[in-house]
Every structure is written in C-alpha cells, then in structure tokens.
C-alpha cells in the first residue's frame, strides 16, 4: 500500500473533501498497515483524514457493536464535520 500511495499521490492531491475511514483490523484485503500508510500520505498532503481501525472486526463490520460505532462516526462527520468527539 505504501508504494501505491506514493504512486497515486497526484490523485490524492485532488481530494478536497474530508475523508472518513472505518476499517476492520481482521480484514485481509486492507490491512492496518495499508490504513496507516494511506493516512500518513493524506496527512503529508495536508488533507483532512480521520481513520479508525476496529481491531476485532473483519471486512464489512459483521459485528453489531462495530456497525453501531461506524454509524455513529459517519453521522457525527456528516453533522459536525468531525468524526471524533
């Protein structure tokens, strides 16, 4: 992912919206390292990004507590512009 972030830096420069990321720590498609690399690249570009990794969740947040947490973060971002309280 780190190499992909470097290669796609010009594409990331064109993002002007706040980015909210919710990921499962057990997801095998997008690893926590991938999330951290993307977040670091966005921050280095001065882009607003808020990433959270739910350590016990897999892909698609198959557990109700994780779904509820991502729903709260999404609504908070939509209503206030910030995902974290």
PDB file of N, CA and C in Angstrom:
ATOM      1  N   UNK A   1       0.830  -1.192   0.000  1.00  0.00           N
ATOM      2  CA  UNK A   1       0.000   0.000   0.000  1.00  0.00           C
ATOM      3  C   UNK A   1       0.870   1.251   0.000  1.00  0.00           C
ATOM      4  N   UNK A   2       1.953   1.226   0.736  1.00  0.00           N
ATOM      5  CA  UNK A   2       2.814   2.407   0.806  1.00  0.00           C
ATOM      6  C   UNK A   2       3.263   2.801  -0.595  1.00  0.00           C
ATOM      7  N   UNK A   3       3.656   1.843  -1.425  1.00  0.00           N
ATOM      8  CA  UNK A   3       4.065   2.154  -2.793  1.00  0.00           C
ATOM      9  C   UNK A   3       2.888   2.690  -3.599  1.00  0.00           C
ATOM     10  N   UNK A   4       1.703   2.118  -3.411  1.00  0.00           N
ATOM     11  CA  UNK A   4       0.523   2.608  -4.129  1.00  0.00           C
ATOM     12  C   UNK A   4       0.214   4.048  -3.736  1.00  0.00           C
ATOM     13  N   UNK A   5       0.379   4.371  -2.451  1.00  0.00           N
ATOM     14  CA  UNK A   5       0.133   5.749  -2.006  1.00  0.00           C
ATOM     15  C   UNK A   5       1.124   6.708  -2.652  1.00  0.00           C
ATOM     16  N   UNK A   6       2.358   6.285  -2.757  1.00  0.00           N
ATOM     17  CA  UNK A   6       3.361   7.147  -3.393  1.00  0.00           C
ATOM     18  C   UNK A   6       3.043   7.341  -4.871  1.00  0.00           C
ATOM     19  N   UNK A   7       2.654   6.250  -5.541  1.00  0.00           N
ATOM     20  CA  UNK A   7       2.342   6.342  -6.967  1.00  0.00           C
ATOM     21  C   UNK A   7       1.090   7.161  -7.231  1.00  0.00           C
ATOM     22  N   UNK A   8       0.134   7.107  -6.314  1.00  0.00           N
ATOM     23  CA  UNK A   8      -1.129   7.805  -6.555  1.00  0.00           C
ATOM     24  C   UNK A   8      -1.189   9.155  -5.840  1.00  0.00           C
ATOM     25  N   UNK A   9      -0.066   9.654  -5.406  1.00  0.00           N
ATOM     26  CA  UNK A   9      -0.009  10.920  -4.685  1.00  0.00           C
ATOM     27  C   UNK A   9      -0.699  12.043  -5.463  1.00  0.00           C
ATOM     28  N   UNK A  10      -0.488  12.092  -6.776  1.00  0.00           N
ATOM     29  CA  UNK A  10      -1.118  13.154  -7.562  1.00  0.00           C
ATOM     30  C   UNK A  10      -2.633  13.020  -7.541  1.00  0.00           C
ATOM     31  N   UNK A  11      -3.145  11.802  -7.514  1.00  0.00           N
ATOM     32  CA  UNK A  11      -4.599  11.605  -7.424  1.00  0.00           C
ATOM     33  C   UNK A  11      -5.097  12.045  -6.044  1.00  0.00           C
ATOM     34  N   UNK A  12      -4.345  11.743  -4.997  1.00  0.00           N
ATOM     35  CA  UNK A  12      -4.747  12.128  -3.650  1.00  0.00           C
ATOM     36  C   UNK A  12      -4.708  13.640  -3.460  1.00  0.00           C
ATOM     37  N   UNK A  13      -3.825  14.317  -4.181  1.00  0.00           N
ATOM     38  CA  UNK A  13      -3.755  15.780  -4.096  1.00  0.00           C
ATOM     39  C   UNK A  13      -5.051  16.430  -4.565  1.00  0.00           C
ATOM     40  N   UNK A  14      -5.812  15.727  -5.390  1.00  0.00           N
ATOM     41  CA  UNK A  14      -7.057  16.289  -5.930  1.00  0.00           C
ATOM     42  C   UNK A  14      -8.266  16.054  -5.021  1.00  0.00           C
ATOM     43  N   UNK A  15      -8.054  15.449  -3.864  1.00  0.00           N
ATOM     44  CA  UNK A  15      -9.140  15.247  -2.902  1.00  0.00           C
ATOM     45  C   UNK A  15      -9.244  16.498  -2.038  1.00  0.00           C
ATOM     46  N   UNK A  16     -10.432  17.076  -1.996  1.00  0.00           N
ATOM     47  CA  UNK A  16     -10.645  18.284  -1.199  1.00  0.00           C
ATOM     48  C   UNK A  16     -11.661  18.081  -0.079  1.00  0.00           C
ATOM     49  N   UNK A  17     -12.347  16.967  -0.086  1.00  0.00           N
ATOM     50  CA  UNK A  17     -13.323  16.672   0.964  1.00  0.00           C
ATOM     51  C   UNK A  17     -12.624  16.018   2.147  1.00  0.00           C
ATOM     52  N   UNK A  18     -13.250  16.108   3.309  1.00  0.00           N
ATOM     53  CA  UNK A  18     -12.758  15.380   4.469  1.00  0.00           C
ATOM     54  C   UNK A  18     -12.954  13.890   4.203  1.00  0.00           C
ATOM     55  N   UNK A  19     -12.003  13.093   4.638  1.00  0.00           N
ATOM     56  CA  UNK A  19     -12.066  11.654   4.402  1.00  0.00           C
ATOM     57  C   UNK A  19     -12.259  10.943   5.740  1.00  0.00           C
ATOM     58  N   UNK A  20     -13.296  10.138   5.820  1.00  0.00           N
ATOM     59  CA  UNK A  20     -13.593   9.325   6.991  1.00  0.00           C
ATOM     60  C   UNK A  20     -13.350   7.874   6.617  1.00  0.00           C
ATOM     61  N   UNK A  21     -12.502   7.203   7.394  1.00  0.00           N
ATOM     62  CA  UNK A  21     -12.178   5.802   7.113  1.00  0.00           C
ATOM     63  C   UNK A  21     -12.557   4.948   8.321  1.00  0.00           C
ATOM     64  N   UNK A  22     -13.241   3.846   8.074  1.00  0.00           N
ATOM     65  CA  UNK A  22     -13.568   2.852   9.095  1.00  0.00           C
ATOM     66  C   UNK A  22     -13.121   1.500   8.560  1.00  0.00           C
ATOM     67  N   UNK A  23     -12.233   0.845   9.293  1.00  0.00           N
ATOM     68  CA  UNK A  23     -11.692  -0.427   8.819  1.00  0.00           C
ATOM     69  C   UNK A  23     -11.715  -1.480   9.913  1.00  0.00           C
ATOM     70  N   UNK A  24     -11.826  -2.732   9.499  1.00  0.00           N
ATOM     71  CA  UNK A  24     -11.721  -3.858  10.416  1.00  0.00           C
ATOM     72  C   UNK A  24     -10.274  -4.319  10.500  1.00  0.00           C
ATOM     73  N   UNK A  25      -9.781  -4.477  11.709  1.00  0.00           N
ATOM     74  CA  UNK A  25      -8.404  -4.909  11.923  1.00  0.00           C
ATOM     75  C   UNK A  25      -8.121  -6.315  11.424  1.00  0.00           C
ATOM     76  N   UNK A  26      -9.167  -7.127  11.277  1.00  0.00           N
ATOM     77  CA  UNK A  26      -9.002  -8.506  10.806  1.00  0.00           C
ATOM     78  C   UNK A  26      -9.246  -8.640   9.304  1.00  0.00           C
ATOM     79  N   UNK A  27      -9.552  -7.535   8.647  1.00  0.00           N
ATOM     80  CA  UNK A  27      -9.781  -7.559   7.197  1.00  0.00           C
ATOM     81  C   UNK A  27      -8.473  -7.948   6.507  1.00  0.00           C
ATOM     82  N   UNK A  28      -8.547  -8.908   5.615  1.00  0.00           N
ATOM     83  CA  UNK A  28      -7.332  -9.362   4.924  1.00  0.00           C
ATOM     84  C   UNK A  28      -7.089  -8.609   3.621  1.00  0.00           C
ATOM     85  N   UNK A  29      -8.090  -7.863   3.167  1.00  0.00           N
ATOM     86  CA  UNK A  29      -7.939  -7.114   1.915  1.00  0.00           C
ATOM     87  C   UNK A  29      -7.245  -5.784   2.126  1.00  0.00           C
ATOM     88  N   UNK A  30      -7.598  -5.089   3.199  1.00  0.00           N
ATOM     89  CA  UNK A  30      -6.978  -3.811   3.543  1.00  0.00           C
ATOM     90  C   UNK A  30      -6.442  -3.967   4.963  1.00  0.00           C
ATOM     91  N   UNK A  31      -5.152  -4.047   5.090  1.00  0.00           N
ATOM     92  CA  UNK A  31      -4.527  -4.308   6.386  1.00  0.00           C
ATOM     93  C   UNK A  31      -4.367  -3.011   7.182  1.00  0.00           C
ATOM     94  N   UNK A  32      -4.175  -3.105   8.500  1.00  0.00           N
ATOM     95  CA  UNK A  32      -3.889  -1.906   9.289  1.00  0.00           C
ATOM     96  C   UNK A  32      -2.682  -1.125   8.744  1.00  0.00           C
ATOM     97  N   UNK A  33      -1.668  -1.819   8.248  1.00  0.00           N
ATOM     98  CA  UNK A  33      -0.524  -1.121   7.652  1.00  0.00           C
ATOM     99  C   UNK A  33      -0.947  -0.295   6.443  1.00  0.00           C
ATOM    100  N   UNK A  34      -1.862  -0.836   5.630  1.00  0.00           N
ATOM    101  CA  UNK A  34      -2.392  -0.096   4.480  1.00  0.00           C
ATOM    102  C   UNK A  34      -3.105   1.174   4.946  1.00  0.00           C
ATOM    103  N   UNK A  35      -3.910   1.031   5.994  1.00  0.00           N
ATOM    104  CA  UNK A  35      -4.659   2.176   6.526  1.00  0.00           C
ATOM    105  C   UNK A  35      -3.692   3.256   7.006  1.00  0.00           C
ATOM    106  N   UNK A  36      -2.683   2.848   7.761  1.00  0.00           N
ATOM    107  CA  UNK A  36      -1.713   3.812   8.292  1.00  0.00           C
ATOM    108  C   UNK A  36      -0.930   4.494   7.171  1.00  0.00           C
ATOM    109  N   UNK A  37      -0.595   3.750   6.131  1.00  0.00           N
ATOM    110  CA  UNK A  37       0.143   4.332   5.000  1.00  0.00           C
ATOM    111  C   UNK A  37      -0.710   5.371   4.287  1.00  0.00           C
ATOM    112  N   UNK A  38      -1.977   5.051   4.048  1.00  0.00           N
ATOM    113  CA  UNK A  38      -2.869   5.998   3.390  1.00  0.00           C
ATOM    114  C   UNK A  38      -3.052   7.246   4.251  1.00  0.00           C
ATOM    115  N   UNK A  39      -3.277   7.033   5.536  1.00  0.00           N
ATOM    116  CA  UNK A  39      -3.479   8.151   6.456  1.00  0.00           C
ATOM    117  C   UNK A  39      -2.236   9.051   6.495  1.00  0.00           C
ATOM    118  N   UNK A  40      -1.065   8.453   6.553  1.00  0.00           N
ATOM    119  CA  UNK A  40       0.181   9.235   6.583  1.00  0.00           C
ATOM    120  C   UNK A  40       0.359  10.040   5.302  1.00  0.00           C
ATOM    121  N   UNK A  41       0.034   9.437   4.169  1.00  0.00           N
ATOM    122  CA  UNK A  41       0.161  10.148   2.895  1.00  0.00           C
ATOM    123  C   UNK A  41      -0.804  11.322   2.853  1.00  0.00           C
ATOM    124  N   UNK A  42      -2.040  11.092   3.255  1.00  0.00           N
ATOM    125  CA  UNK A  42      -3.026  12.176   3.263  1.00  0.00           C
ATOM    126  C   UNK A  42      -2.589  13.302   4.196  1.00  0.00           C
ATOM    127  N   UNK A  43      -2.091  12.946   5.372  1.00  0.00           N
ATOM    128  CA  UNK A  43      -1.639  13.967   6.318  1.00  0.00           C
ATOM    129  C   UNK A  43      -0.451  14.748   5.765  1.00  0.00           C
ATOM    130  N   UNK A  44       0.446  14.057   5.070  1.00  0.00           N
ATOM    131  CA  UNK A  44       1.604  14.744   4.494  1.00  0.00           C
ATOM    132  C   UNK A  44       1.177  15.748   3.420  1.00  0.00           C
ATOM    133  N   UNK A  45       0.012  15.524   2.832  1.00  0.00           N
ATOM    134  CA  UNK A  45      -0.531  16.437   1.832  1.00  0.00           C
ATOM    135  C   UNK A  45      -1.410  17.522   2.461  1.00  0.00           C
ATOM    136  N   UNK A  46      -1.544  17.471   3.788  1.00  0.00           N
ATOM    137  CA  UNK A  46      -2.379  18.438   4.482  1.00  0.00           C
ATOM    138  C   UNK A  46      -3.857  18.200   4.291  1.00  0.00           C
ATOM    139  N   UNK A  47      -4.227  16.962   3.980  1.00  0.00           N
ATOM    140  CA  UNK A  47      -5.625  16.609   3.731  1.00  0.00           C
ATOM    141  C   UNK A  47      -6.282  16.146   5.027  1.00  0.00           C
ATOM    142  N   UNK A  48      -7.533  16.575   5.278  1.00  0.00           N
ATOM    143  CA  UNK A  48      -8.225  16.131   6.488  1.00  0.00           C
ATOM    144  C   UNK A  48      -8.657  14.672   6.364  1.00  0.00           C
ATOM    145  N   UNK A  49      -8.140  13.849   7.249  1.00  0.00           N
ATOM    146  CA  UNK A  49      -8.455  12.424   7.224  1.00  0.00           C
ATOM    147  C   UNK A  49      -8.642  11.953   8.661  1.00  0.00           C
ATOM    148  N   UNK A  50      -9.633  11.103   8.875  1.00  0.00           N
ATOM    149  CA  UNK A  50      -9.909  10.543  10.190  1.00  0.00           C
ATOM    150  C   UNK A  50     -10.100   9.046  10.003  1.00  0.00           C
ATOM    151  N   UNK A  51      -9.138   8.274  10.454  1.00  0.00           N
ATOM    152  CA  UNK A  51      -9.173   6.821  10.280  1.00  0.00           C
ATOM    153  C   UNK A  51      -9.354   6.130  11.623  1.00  0.00           C
ATOM    154  N   UNK A  52     -10.144   5.091  11.622  1.00  0.00           N
ATOM    155  CA  UNK A  52     -10.306   4.259  12.817  1.00  0.00           C
ATOM    156  C   UNK A  52     -10.270   2.807  12.379  1.00  0.00           C
ATOM    157  N   UNK A  53      -9.516   2.031  13.126  1.00  0.00           N
ATOM    158  CA  UNK A  53      -9.446   0.589  12.892  1.00  0.00           C
ATOM    159  C   UNK A  53     -10.137  -0.089  14.067  1.00  0.00           C
ATOM    160  N   UNK A  54     -11.142  -0.899  13.763  1.00  0.00           N
ATOM    161  CA  UNK A  54     -11.818  -1.692  14.784  1.00  0.00           C
ATOM    162  C   UNK A  54     -11.083  -3.025  14.855  1.00  0.00           C
ATOM    163  N   UNK A  55     -10.260  -3.232  15.902  1.00  0.00           N
ATOM    164  CA  UNK A  55      -9.333  -4.369  15.929  1.00  0.00           C
ATOM    165  C   UNK A  55      -9.972  -5.748  15.806  1.00  0.00           C
ATOM    166  N   UNK A  56     -11.169  -5.923  16.338  1.00  0.00           N
ATOM    167  CA  UNK A  56     -11.794  -7.253  16.333  1.00  0.00           C
ATOM    168  C   UNK A  56     -12.771  -7.455  15.181  1.00  0.00           C
ATOM    169  N   UNK A  57     -12.821  -6.515  14.257  1.00  0.00           N
ATOM    170  CA  UNK A  57     -13.775  -6.619  13.147  1.00  0.00           C
ATOM    171  C   UNK A  57     -13.068  -7.076  11.878  1.00  0.00           C
ATOM    172  N   UNK A  58     -13.804  -7.815  11.088  1.00  0.00           N
ATOM    173  CA  UNK A  58     -13.318  -8.215   9.781  1.00  0.00           C
ATOM    174  C   UNK A  58     -13.851  -7.269   8.730  1.00  0.00           C
ATOM    175  N   UNK A  59     -13.953  -7.769   7.526  1.00  0.00           N
ATOM    176  CA  UNK A  59     -14.479  -6.973   6.426  1.00  0.00           C
ATOM    177  C   UNK A  59     -15.988  -6.780   6.599  1.00  0.00           C
ATOM    178  N   UNK A  60     -16.487  -5.615   6.272  1.00  0.00           N
ATOM    179  CA  UNK A  60     -17.914  -5.291   6.289  1.00  0.00           C
ATOM    180  C   UNK A  60     -18.503  -5.234   7.691  1.00  0.00           C
ATOM    181  N   UNK A  61     -17.659  -5.192   8.717  1.00  0.00           N
ATOM    182  CA  UNK A  61     -18.126  -4.970  10.095  1.00  0.00           C
ATOM    183  C   UNK A  61     -19.274  -5.895  10.459  1.00  0.00           C
ATOM    184  N   UNK A  62     -18.976  -7.187  10.475  1.00  0.00           N
ATOM    185  CA  UNK A  62     -20.038  -8.160  10.686  1.00  0.00           C
ATOM    186  C   UNK A  62     -20.559  -8.219  12.118  1.00  0.00           C
ATOM    187  N   UNK A  63     -19.982  -7.473  13.046  1.00  0.00           N
ATOM    188  CA  UNK A  63     -20.481  -7.500  14.417  1.00  0.00           C
ATOM    189  C   UNK A  63     -21.302  -6.243  14.697  1.00  0.00           C
ATOM    190  N   UNK A  64     -22.455  -6.386  15.369  1.00  0.00           N
ATOM    191  CA  UNK A  64     -23.306  -5.222  15.644  1.00  0.00           C
ATOM    192  C   UNK A  64     -22.593  -4.065  16.355  1.00  0.00           C
ATOM    193  N   UNK A  65     -21.754  -4.291  17.392  1.00  0.00           N
ATOM    194  CA  UNK A  65     -21.114  -3.131  18.029  1.00  0.00           C
ATOM    195  C   UNK A  65     -20.233  -2.329  17.060  1.00  0.00           C
ATOM    196  N   UNK A  66     -19.570  -3.011  16.152  1.00  0.00           N
ATOM    197  CA  UNK A  66     -18.730  -2.308  15.186  1.00  0.00           C
ATOM    198  C   UNK A  66     -19.589  -1.514  14.213  1.00  0.00           C
ATOM    199  N   UNK A  67     -20.665  -2.118  13.741  1.00  0.00           N
ATOM    200  CA  UNK A  67     -21.578  -1.393  12.845  1.00  0.00           C
ATOM    201  C   UNK A  67     -22.121  -0.144  13.520  1.00  0.00           C
ATOM    202  N   UNK A  68     -22.491  -0.267  14.789  1.00  0.00           N
ATOM    203  CA  UNK A  68     -23.018   0.885  15.519  1.00  0.00           C
ATOM    204  C   UNK A  68     -21.954   1.976  15.648  1.00  0.00           C
ATOM    205  N   UNK A  69     -20.726   1.584  15.915  1.00  0.00           N
ATOM    206  CA  UNK A  69     -19.637   2.559  16.033  1.00  0.00           C
ATOM    207  C   UNK A  69     -19.380   3.285  14.729  1.00  0.00           C
ATOM    208  N   UNK A  70     -19.380   2.558  13.634  1.00  0.00           N
ATOM    209  CA  UNK A  70     -19.147   3.215  12.339  1.00  0.00           C
ATOM    210  C   UNK A  70     -20.323   4.102  11.971  1.00  0.00           C
ATOM    211  N   UNK A  71     -21.523   3.677  12.318  1.00  0.00           N
ATOM    212  CA  UNK A  71     -22.690   4.527  12.045  1.00  0.00           C
ATOM    213  C   UNK A  71     -22.604   5.831  12.827  1.00  0.00           C
ATOM    214  N   UNK A  72     -22.232   5.765  14.100  1.00  0.00           N
ATOM    215  CA  UNK A  72     -22.092   6.976  14.911  1.00  0.00           C
ATOM    216  C   UNK A  72     -21.038   7.906  14.332  1.00  0.00           C
ATOM    217  N   UNK A  73     -19.883   7.346  13.933  1.00  0.00           N
ATOM    218  CA  UNK A  73     -18.807   8.174  13.372  1.00  0.00           C
ATOM    219  C   UNK A  73     -19.254   8.842  12.074  1.00  0.00           C
ATOM    220  N   UNK A  74     -19.964   8.090  11.243  1.00  0.00           N
ATOM    221  CA  UNK A  74     -20.424   8.630   9.966  1.00  0.00           C
ATOM    222  C   UNK A  74     -21.427   9.769  10.185  1.00  0.00           C
ATOM    223  N   UNK A  75     -22.376   9.559  11.075  1.00  0.00           N
ATOM    224  CA  UNK A  75     -23.364  10.603  11.351  1.00  0.00           C
ATOM    225  C   UNK A  75     -22.712  11.830  11.982  1.00  0.00           C
ATOM    226  N   UNK A  76     -21.766  11.604  12.894  1.00  0.00           N
ATOM    227  CA  UNK A  76     -21.070  12.731  13.522  1.00  0.00           C
ATOM    228  C   UNK A  76     -20.309  13.531  12.475  1.00  0.00           C
ATOM    229  N   UNK A  77     -19.654  12.846  11.542  1.00  0.00           N
ATOM    230  CA  UNK A  77     -18.914  13.541  10.480  1.00  0.00           C
ATOM    231  C   UNK A  77     -19.881  14.342   9.615  1.00  0.00           C
ATOM    232  N   UNK A  78     -20.996  13.729   9.269  1.00  0.00           N
ATOM    233  CA  UNK A  78     -21.969  14.429   8.428  1.00  0.00           C
ATOM    234  C   UNK A  78     -22.542  15.657   9.128  1.00  0.00           C
ATOM    235  N   UNK A  79     -22.821  15.532  10.409  1.00  0.00           N
ATOM    236  CA  UNK A  79     -23.488  16.608  11.138  1.00  0.00           C
ATOM    237  C   UNK A  79     -22.553  17.693  11.661  1.00  0.00           C
ATOM    238  N   UNK A  80     -21.306  17.333  11.967  1.00  0.00           N
ATOM    239  CA  UNK A  80     -20.409  18.303  12.605  1.00  0.00           C
ATOM    240  C   UNK A  80     -19.135  18.549  11.810  1.00  0.00           C
ATOM    241  N   UNK A  81     -18.843  17.683  10.856  1.00  0.00           N
ATOM    242  CA  UNK A  81     -17.593  17.800  10.117  1.00  0.00           C
ATOM    243  C   UNK A  81     -16.432  17.119  10.809  1.00  0.00           C
ATOM    244  N   UNK A  82     -16.708  16.481  11.963  1.00  0.00           N
ATOM    245  CA  UNK A  82     -15.666  15.751  12.690  1.00  0.00           C
ATOM    246  C   UNK A  82     -16.205  14.379  13.092  1.00  0.00           C
ATOM    247  N   UNK A  83     -15.375  13.367  12.966  1.00  0.00           N
ATOM    248  CA  UNK A  83     -15.817  12.029  13.347  1.00  0.00           C
ATOM    249  C   UNK A  83     -15.558  11.760  14.817  1.00  0.00           C
ATOM    250  N   UNK A  84     -14.538  12.397  15.352  1.00  0.00           N
ATOM    251  CA  UNK A  84     -14.195  12.169  16.772  1.00  0.00           C
ATOM    252  C   UNK A  84     -14.816  13.257  17.613  1.00  0.00           C
ATOM    253  N   UNK A  85     -15.270  12.850  18.793  1.00  0.00           N
ATOM    254  CA  UNK A  85     -15.883  13.847  19.664  1.00  0.00           C
ATOM    255  C   UNK A  85     -14.831  14.550  20.497  1.00  0.00           C
TER     256      UNK A  85
END
